[in-house]
Amino acid sequence: MGLYVRARKVAGDDRVATYSFTTGDGLERTLVVDLDADRIWPEDGNEDGVFRGAVLAIVRERRRQGTLPDLALHQS
């Protein structure tokens, strides 16, 4: 079974940002990226595969663009 995750920045800047992420099933969750604290966490505390997919997508795009992306996608 594959995984598709879409993460969209809803607030923040290039150091601290809040993202909404979903698999497209209608349920949207939220995660926070804080580069100053070197920390990424889900607001609901659930660090499952969907959360990890969103983190991978955001980190990959940040490395590519040099800034926290407005949109990041992960597919596996």
PDB file of N, CA and C in Angstrom:
ATOM      1  N   MET A   1       0.845  -1.172   0.000  1.00  0.00           N
ATOM      2  CA  MET A   1       0.000   0.000   0.000  1.00  0.00           C
ATOM      3  C   MET A   1       0.893   1.238   0.000  1.00  0.00           C
ATOM      4  N   GLY A   2       0.551   2.229  -0.805  1.00  0.00           N
ATOM      5  CA  GLY A   2       1.315   3.465  -0.889  1.00  0.00           C
ATOM      6  C   GLY A   2       0.815   4.516   0.087  1.00  0.00           C
ATOM      7  N   LEU A   3       1.609   5.563   0.198  1.00  0.00           N
ATOM      8  CA  LEU A   3       1.268   6.666   1.080  1.00  0.00           C
ATOM      9  C   LEU A   3       1.434   7.972   0.329  1.00  0.00           C
ATOM     10  N   TYR A   4       0.439   8.834   0.412  1.00  0.00           N
ATOM     11  CA  TYR A   4       0.492  10.168  -0.162  1.00  0.00           C
ATOM     12  C   TYR A   4       0.184  11.160   0.952  1.00  0.00           C
ATOM     13  N   VAL A   5       1.077  12.143   1.139  1.00  0.00           N
ATOM     14  CA  VAL A   5       0.877  13.147   2.175  1.00  0.00           C
ATOM     15  C   VAL A   5       1.103  14.528   1.575  1.00  0.00           C
ATOM     16  N   ARG A   6       0.207  15.446   1.889  1.00  0.00           N
ATOM     17  CA  ARG A   6       0.309  16.839   1.443  1.00  0.00           C
ATOM     18  C   ARG A   6       0.418  17.721   2.682  1.00  0.00           C
ATOM     19  N   ALA A   7       1.499  18.527   2.738  1.00  0.00           N
ATOM     20  CA  ALA A   7       1.709  19.440   3.866  1.00  0.00           C
ATOM     21  C   ALA A   7       1.691  20.871   3.336  1.00  0.00           C
ATOM     22  N   ARG A   8       0.874  21.728   3.958  1.00  0.00           N
ATOM     23  CA  ARG A   8       0.705  23.115   3.512  1.00  0.00           C
ATOM     24  C   ARG A   8       0.956  24.048   4.689  1.00  0.00           C
ATOM     25  N   LYS A   9       1.846  25.040   4.467  1.00  0.00           N
ATOM     26  CA  LYS A   9       2.138  26.012   5.524  1.00  0.00           C
ATOM     27  C   LYS A   9       0.909  26.896   5.729  1.00  0.00           C
ATOM     28  N   VAL A  10       0.464  27.011   6.975  1.00  0.00           N
ATOM     29  CA  VAL A  10      -0.701  27.835   7.281  1.00  0.00           C
ATOM     30  C   VAL A  10      -0.335  29.074   8.085  1.00  0.00           C
ATOM     31  N   ALA A  11       0.868  29.082   8.667  1.00  0.00           N
ATOM     32  CA  ALA A  11       1.319  30.246   9.437  1.00  0.00           C
ATOM     33  C   ALA A  11       2.823  30.129   9.639  1.00  0.00           C
ATOM     34  N   GLY A  12       3.452  31.265   9.855  1.00  0.00           N
ATOM     35  CA  GLY A  12       4.857  31.243  10.209  1.00  0.00           C
ATOM     36  C   GLY A  12       5.762  31.892   9.186  1.00  0.00           C
ATOM     37  N   ASP A  13       7.061  31.638   9.382  1.00  0.00           N
ATOM     38  CA  ASP A  13       8.081  32.236   8.529  1.00  0.00           C
ATOM     39  C   ASP A  13       9.115  31.173   8.184  1.00  0.00           C
ATOM     40  N   ASP A  14      10.364  31.601   7.939  1.00  0.00           N
ATOM     41  CA  ASP A  14      11.408  30.655   7.554  1.00  0.00           C
ATOM     42  C   ASP A  14      12.113  30.003   8.737  1.00  0.00           C
ATOM     43  N   ARG A  15      11.725  30.318   9.955  1.00  0.00           N
ATOM     44  CA  ARG A  15      12.339  29.712  11.146  1.00  0.00           C
ATOM     45  C   ARG A  15      11.342  28.876  11.952  1.00  0.00           C
ATOM     46  N   VAL A  16      10.117  29.361  12.060  1.00  0.00           N
ATOM     47  CA  VAL A  16       9.071  28.660  12.813  1.00  0.00           C
ATOM     48  C   VAL A  16       7.793  28.700  11.982  1.00  0.00           C
ATOM     49  N   ALA A  17       7.196  27.529  11.754  1.00  0.00           N
ATOM     50  CA  ALA A  17       5.994  27.487  10.922  1.00  0.00           C
ATOM     51  C   ALA A  17       5.048  26.393  11.390  1.00  0.00           C
ATOM     52  N   THR A  18       3.779  26.596  11.122  1.00  0.00           N
ATOM     53  CA  THR A  18       2.737  25.613  11.389  1.00  0.00           C
ATOM     54  C   THR A  18       2.248  25.089  10.044  1.00  0.00           C
ATOM     55  N   TYR A  19       2.123  23.776   9.946  1.00  0.00           N
ATOM     56  CA  TYR A  19       1.667  23.124   8.715  1.00  0.00           C
ATOM     57  C   TYR A  19       0.418  22.309   8.986  1.00  0.00           C
ATOM     58  N   SER A  20      -0.472  22.316   8.022  1.00  0.00           N
ATOM     59  CA  SER A  20      -1.606  21.415   7.992  1.00  0.00           C
ATOM     60  C   SER A  20      -1.196  20.274   7.073  1.00  0.00           C
ATOM     61  N   PHE A  21      -1.429  19.026   7.495  1.00  0.00           N
ATOM     62  CA  PHE A  21      -1.074  17.909   6.623  1.00  0.00           C
ATOM     63  C   PHE A  21      -2.182  16.874   6.596  1.00  0.00           C
ATOM     64  N   THR A  22      -2.286  16.189   5.448  1.00  0.00           N
ATOM     65  CA  THR A  22      -3.357  15.226   5.234  1.00  0.00           C
ATOM     66  C   THR A  22      -2.944  14.201   4.192  1.00  0.00           C
ATOM     67  N   THR A  23      -3.615  13.082   4.203  1.00  0.00           N
ATOM     68  CA  THR A  23      -3.433  12.071   3.163  1.00  0.00           C
ATOM     69  C   THR A  23      -4.482  12.241   2.069  1.00  0.00           C
ATOM     70  N   GLY A  24      -5.335  13.227   2.218  1.00  0.00           N
ATOM     71  CA  GLY A  24      -6.403  13.434   1.254  1.00  0.00           C
ATOM     72  C   GLY A  24      -7.706  12.780   1.667  1.00  0.00           C
ATOM     73  N   ASP A  25      -7.730  12.176   2.851  1.00  0.00           N
ATOM     74  CA  ASP A  25      -8.931  11.491   3.322  1.00  0.00           C
ATOM     75  C   ASP A  25      -9.925  12.431   4.011  1.00  0.00           C
ATOM     76  N   GLY A  26      -9.601  13.733   4.028  1.00  0.00           N
ATOM     77  CA  GLY A  26     -10.489  14.708   4.648  1.00  0.00           C
ATOM     78  C   GLY A  26     -10.047  15.120   6.034  1.00  0.00           C
ATOM     79  N   LEU A  27      -9.316  14.255   6.741  1.00  0.00           N
ATOM     80  CA  LEU A  27      -8.837  14.566   8.081  1.00  0.00           C
ATOM     81  C   LEU A  27      -7.533  15.350   7.971  1.00  0.00           C
ATOM     82  N   GLU A  28      -7.542  16.595   8.455  1.00  0.00           N
ATOM     83  CA  GLU A  28      -6.330  17.414   8.447  1.00  0.00           C
ATOM     84  C   GLU A  28      -5.763  17.482   9.851  1.00  0.00           C
ATOM     85  N   ARG A  29      -4.452  17.295   9.926  1.00  0.00           N
ATOM     86  CA  ARG A  29      -3.745  17.382  11.195  1.00  0.00           C
ATOM     87  C   ARG A  29      -2.763  18.545  11.120  1.00  0.00           C
ATOM     88  N   THR A  30      -2.146  18.878  12.242  1.00  0.00           N
ATOM     89  CA  THR A  30      -1.251  20.029  12.297  1.00  0.00           C
ATOM     90  C   THR A  30       0.076  19.625  12.915  1.00  0.00           C
ATOM     91  N   LEU A  31       1.148  20.173  12.338  1.00  0.00           N
ATOM     92  CA  LEU A  31       2.467  19.990  12.926  1.00  0.00           C
ATOM     93  C   LEU A  31       3.176  21.334  12.976  1.00  0.00           C
ATOM     94  N   VAL A  32       4.167  21.426  13.853  1.00  0.00           N
ATOM     95  CA  VAL A  32       4.930  22.655  14.039  1.00  0.00           C
ATOM     96  C   VAL A  32       6.400  22.368  13.751  1.00  0.00           C
ATOM     97  N   VAL A  33       7.017  23.247  12.963  1.00  0.00           N
ATOM     98  CA  VAL A  33       8.444  23.179  12.688  1.00  0.00           C
ATOM     99  C   VAL A  33       9.086  24.380  13.380  1.00  0.00           C
ATOM    100  N   ASP A  34      10.046  24.109  14.259  1.00  0.00           N
ATOM    101  CA  ASP A  34      10.780  25.176  14.944  1.00  0.00           C
ATOM    102  C   ASP A  34      12.269  24.927  14.709  1.00  0.00           C
ATOM    103  N   LEU A  35      12.842  25.609  13.718  1.00  0.00           N
ATOM    104  CA  LEU A  35      14.246  25.418  13.386  1.00  0.00           C
ATOM    105  C   LEU A  35      15.166  25.958  14.463  1.00  0.00           C
ATOM    106  N   ASP A  36      14.740  26.991  15.186  1.00  0.00           N
ATOM    107  CA  ASP A  36      15.560  27.545  16.266  1.00  0.00           C
ATOM    108  C   ASP A  36      15.729  26.538  17.402  1.00  0.00           C
ATOM    109  N   ALA A  37      14.681  25.775  17.681  1.00  0.00           N
ATOM    110  CA  ALA A  37      14.733  24.752  18.724  1.00  0.00           C
ATOM    111  C   ALA A  37      15.146  23.388  18.154  1.00  0.00           C
ATOM    112  N   ASP A  38      15.336  23.307  16.818  1.00  0.00           N
ATOM    113  CA  ASP A  38      15.696  22.064  16.134  1.00  0.00           C
ATOM    114  C   ASP A  38      14.682  20.965  16.471  1.00  0.00           C
ATOM    115  N   ARG A  39      13.394  21.310  16.262  1.00  0.00           N
ATOM    116  CA  ARG A  39      12.315  20.408  16.671  1.00  0.00           C
ATOM    117  C   ARG A  39      11.145  20.475  15.699  1.00  0.00           C
ATOM    118  N   ILE A  40      10.551  19.319  15.438  1.00  0.00           N
ATOM    119  CA  ILE A  40       9.312  19.206  14.657  1.00  0.00           C
ATOM    120  C   ILE A  40       8.398  18.273  15.436  1.00  0.00           C
ATOM    121  N   TRP A  41       7.145  18.699  15.651  1.00  0.00           N
ATOM    122  CA  TRP A  41       6.236  17.847  16.419  1.00  0.00           C
ATOM    123  C   TRP A  41       4.806  17.996  15.913  1.00  0.00           C
ATOM    124  N   PRO A  42       4.013  16.915  16.057  1.00  0.00           N
ATOM    125  CA  PRO A  42       2.597  16.972  15.712  1.00  0.00           C
ATOM    126  C   PRO A  42       1.814  17.534  16.896  1.00  0.00           C
ATOM    127  N   GLU A  43       0.856  18.390  16.620  1.00  0.00           N
ATOM    128  CA  GLU A  43       0.063  18.964  17.718  1.00  0.00           C
ATOM    129  C   GLU A  43      -0.749  17.909  18.459  1.00  0.00           C
ATOM    130  N   ASP A  44      -1.118  16.829  17.757  1.00  0.00           N
ATOM    131  CA  ASP A  44      -1.912  15.793  18.418  1.00  0.00           C
ATOM    132  C   ASP A  44      -1.045  14.731  19.107  1.00  0.00           C
ATOM    133  N   GLY A  45       0.290  14.854  19.004  1.00  0.00           N
ATOM    134  CA  GLY A  45       1.192  13.912  19.660  1.00  0.00           C
ATOM    135  C   GLY A  45       1.375  12.590  18.932  1.00  0.00           C
ATOM    136  N   ASN A  46       0.689  12.384  17.817  1.00  0.00           N
ATOM    137  CA  ASN A  46       0.736  11.120  17.074  1.00  0.00           C
ATOM    138  C   ASN A  46       1.848  11.169  16.023  1.00  0.00           C
ATOM    139  N   GLU A  47       2.961  10.499  16.296  1.00  0.00           N
ATOM    140  CA  GLU A  47       4.108  10.487  15.385  1.00  0.00           C
ATOM    141  C   GLU A  47       4.068   9.254  14.483  1.00  0.00           C
ATOM    142  N   ASP A  48       2.941   9.060  13.810  1.00  0.00           N
ATOM    143  CA  ASP A  48       2.750   7.900  12.948  1.00  0.00           C
ATOM    144  C   ASP A  48       3.402   8.089  11.579  1.00  0.00           C
ATOM    145  N   GLY A  49       3.170   7.170  10.667  1.00  0.00           N
ATOM    146  CA  GLY A  49       3.741   7.220   9.329  1.00  0.00           C
ATOM    147  C   GLY A  49       3.296   8.416   8.521  1.00  0.00           C
ATOM    148  N   VAL A  50       2.085   8.873   8.726  1.00  0.00           N
ATOM    149  CA  VAL A  50       1.596  10.052   8.004  1.00  0.00           C
ATOM    150  C   VAL A  50       2.369  11.290   8.465  1.00  0.00           C
ATOM    151  N   PHE A  51       2.573  11.427   9.769  1.00  0.00           N
ATOM    152  CA  PHE A  51       3.373  12.525  10.300  1.00  0.00           C
ATOM    153  C   PHE A  51       4.790  12.461   9.749  1.00  0.00           C
ATOM    154  N   ARG A  52       5.404  11.267   9.783  1.00  0.00           N
ATOM    155  CA  ARG A  52       6.770  11.128   9.289  1.00  0.00           C
ATOM    156  C   ARG A  52       6.861  11.448   7.799  1.00  0.00           C
ATOM    157  N   GLY A  53       5.844  11.083   7.023  1.00  0.00           N
ATOM    158  CA  GLY A  53       5.812  11.423   5.598  1.00  0.00           C
ATOM    159  C   GLY A  53       5.764  12.927   5.393  1.00  0.00           C
ATOM    160  N   ALA A  54       4.970  13.619   6.198  1.00  0.00           N
ATOM    161  CA  ALA A  54       4.891  15.078   6.101  1.00  0.00           C
ATOM    162  C   ALA A  54       6.233  15.713   6.444  1.00  0.00           C
ATOM    163  N   VAL A  55       6.879  15.213   7.490  1.00  0.00           N
ATOM    164  CA  VAL A  55       8.189  15.738   7.889  1.00  0.00           C
ATOM    165  C   VAL A  55       9.207  15.519   6.775  1.00  0.00           C
ATOM    166  N   LEU A  56       9.240  14.321   6.194  1.00  0.00           N
ATOM    167  CA  LEU A  56      10.172  14.047   5.098  1.00  0.00           C
ATOM    168  C   LEU A  56       9.962  15.012   3.937  1.00  0.00           C
ATOM    169  N   ALA A  57       8.703  15.258   3.603  1.00  0.00           N
ATOM    170  CA  ALA A  57       8.400  16.164   2.498  1.00  0.00           C
ATOM    171  C   ALA A  57       8.875  17.578   2.796  1.00  0.00           C
ATOM    172  N   ILE A  58       8.618  18.062   3.993  1.00  0.00           N
ATOM    173  CA  ILE A  58       9.014  19.427   4.369  1.00  0.00           C
ATOM    174  C   ILE A  58      10.532  19.559   4.393  1.00  0.00           C
ATOM    175  N   VAL A  59      11.209  18.587   5.005  1.00  0.00           N
ATOM    176  CA  VAL A  59      12.675  18.640   5.096  1.00  0.00           C
ATOM    177  C   VAL A  59      13.301  18.567   3.703  1.00  0.00           C
ATOM    178  N   ARG A  60      12.789  17.695   2.852  1.00  0.00           N
ATOM    179  CA  ARG A  60      13.312  17.564   1.482  1.00  0.00           C
ATOM    180  C   ARG A  60      13.183  18.884   0.724  1.00  0.00           C
ATOM    181  N   GLU A  61      12.025  19.515   0.810  1.00  0.00           N
ATOM    182  CA  GLU A  61      11.820  20.788   0.109  1.00  0.00           C
ATOM    183  C   GLU A  61      12.664  21.905   0.718  1.00  0.00           C
ATOM    184  N   ARG A  62      12.847  21.892   2.018  1.00  0.00           N
ATOM    185  CA  ARG A  62      13.692  22.915   2.645  1.00  0.00           C
ATOM    186  C   ARG A  62      15.127  22.797   2.156  1.00  0.00           C
ATOM    187  N   ARG A  63      15.617  21.584   2.061  1.00  0.00           N
ATOM    188  CA  ARG A  63      16.981  21.375   1.546  1.00  0.00           C
ATOM    189  C   ARG A  63      17.096  21.835   0.097  1.00  0.00           C
ATOM    190  N   ARG A  64      16.065  21.584  -0.690  1.00  0.00           N
ATOM    191  CA  ARG A  64      16.083  21.943  -2.107  1.00  0.00           C
ATOM    192  C   ARG A  64      15.951  23.450  -2.306  1.00  0.00           C
ATOM    193  N   GLN A  65      15.032  24.089  -1.570  1.00  0.00           N
ATOM    194  CA  GLN A  65      14.725  25.510  -1.750  1.00  0.00           C
ATOM    195  C   GLN A  65      15.553  26.431  -0.861  1.00  0.00           C
ATOM    196  N   GLY A  66      16.006  25.929   0.273  1.00  0.00           N
ATOM    197  CA  GLY A  66      16.738  26.761   1.215  1.00  0.00           C
ATOM    198  C   GLY A  66      15.861  27.472   2.229  1.00  0.00           C
ATOM    199  N   THR A  67      14.552  27.330   2.115  1.00  0.00           N
ATOM    200  CA  THR A  67      13.604  27.924   3.056  1.00  0.00           C
ATOM    201  C   THR A  67      12.488  26.912   3.336  1.00  0.00           C
ATOM    202  N   LEU A  68      11.738  27.164   4.397  1.00  0.00           N
ATOM    203  CA  LEU A  68      10.584  26.298   4.653  1.00  0.00           C
ATOM    204  C   LEU A  68       9.570  26.495   3.527  1.00  0.00           C
ATOM    205  N   PRO A  69       9.128  25.405   2.921  1.00  0.00           N
ATOM    206  CA  PRO A  69       8.236  25.510   1.763  1.00  0.00           C
ATOM    207  C   PRO A  69       6.800  25.874   2.143  1.00  0.00           C
ATOM    208  N   ASP A  70       6.091  26.457   1.190  1.00  0.00           N
ATOM    209  CA  ASP A  70       4.663  26.707   1.369  1.00  0.00           C
ATOM    210  C   ASP A  70       3.862  25.422   1.183  1.00  0.00           C
ATOM    211  N   LEU A  71       4.378  24.531   0.348  1.00  0.00           N
ATOM    212  CA  LEU A  71       3.710  23.266   0.050  1.00  0.00           C
ATOM    213  C   LEU A  71       4.762  22.180  -0.118  1.00  0.00           C
ATOM    214  N   ALA A  72       4.495  21.000   0.439  1.00  0.00           N
ATOM    215  CA  ALA A  72       5.396  19.864   0.294  1.00  0.00           C
ATOM    216  C   ALA A  72       4.560  18.599   0.136  1.00  0.00           C
ATOM    217  N   LEU A  73       4.997  17.719  -0.759  1.00  0.00           N
ATOM    218  CA  LEU A  73       4.297  16.485  -1.039  1.00  0.00           C
ATOM    219  C   LEU A  73       5.212  15.290  -0.824  1.00  0.00           C
ATOM    220  N   HIS A  74       4.625  14.202  -0.303  1.00  0.00           N
ATOM    221  CA  HIS A  74       5.387  12.963  -0.122  1.00  0.00           C
ATOM    222  C   HIS A  74       4.545  11.834  -0.694  1.00  0.00           C
ATOM    223  N   GLN A  75       5.203  10.993  -1.481  1.00  0.00           N
ATOM    224  CA  GLN A  75       4.532   9.820  -2.039  1.00  0.00           C
ATOM    225  C   GLN A  75       5.490   8.650  -1.944  1.00  0.00           C
ATOM    226  N   SER A  76       5.012   7.551  -1.433  1.00  0.00           N
ATOM    227  CA  SER A  76       5.870   6.354  -1.354  1.00  0.00           C
ATOM    228  C   SER A  76       5.070   5.115  -1.690  1.00  0.00           C
TER     229      SER A  76
END
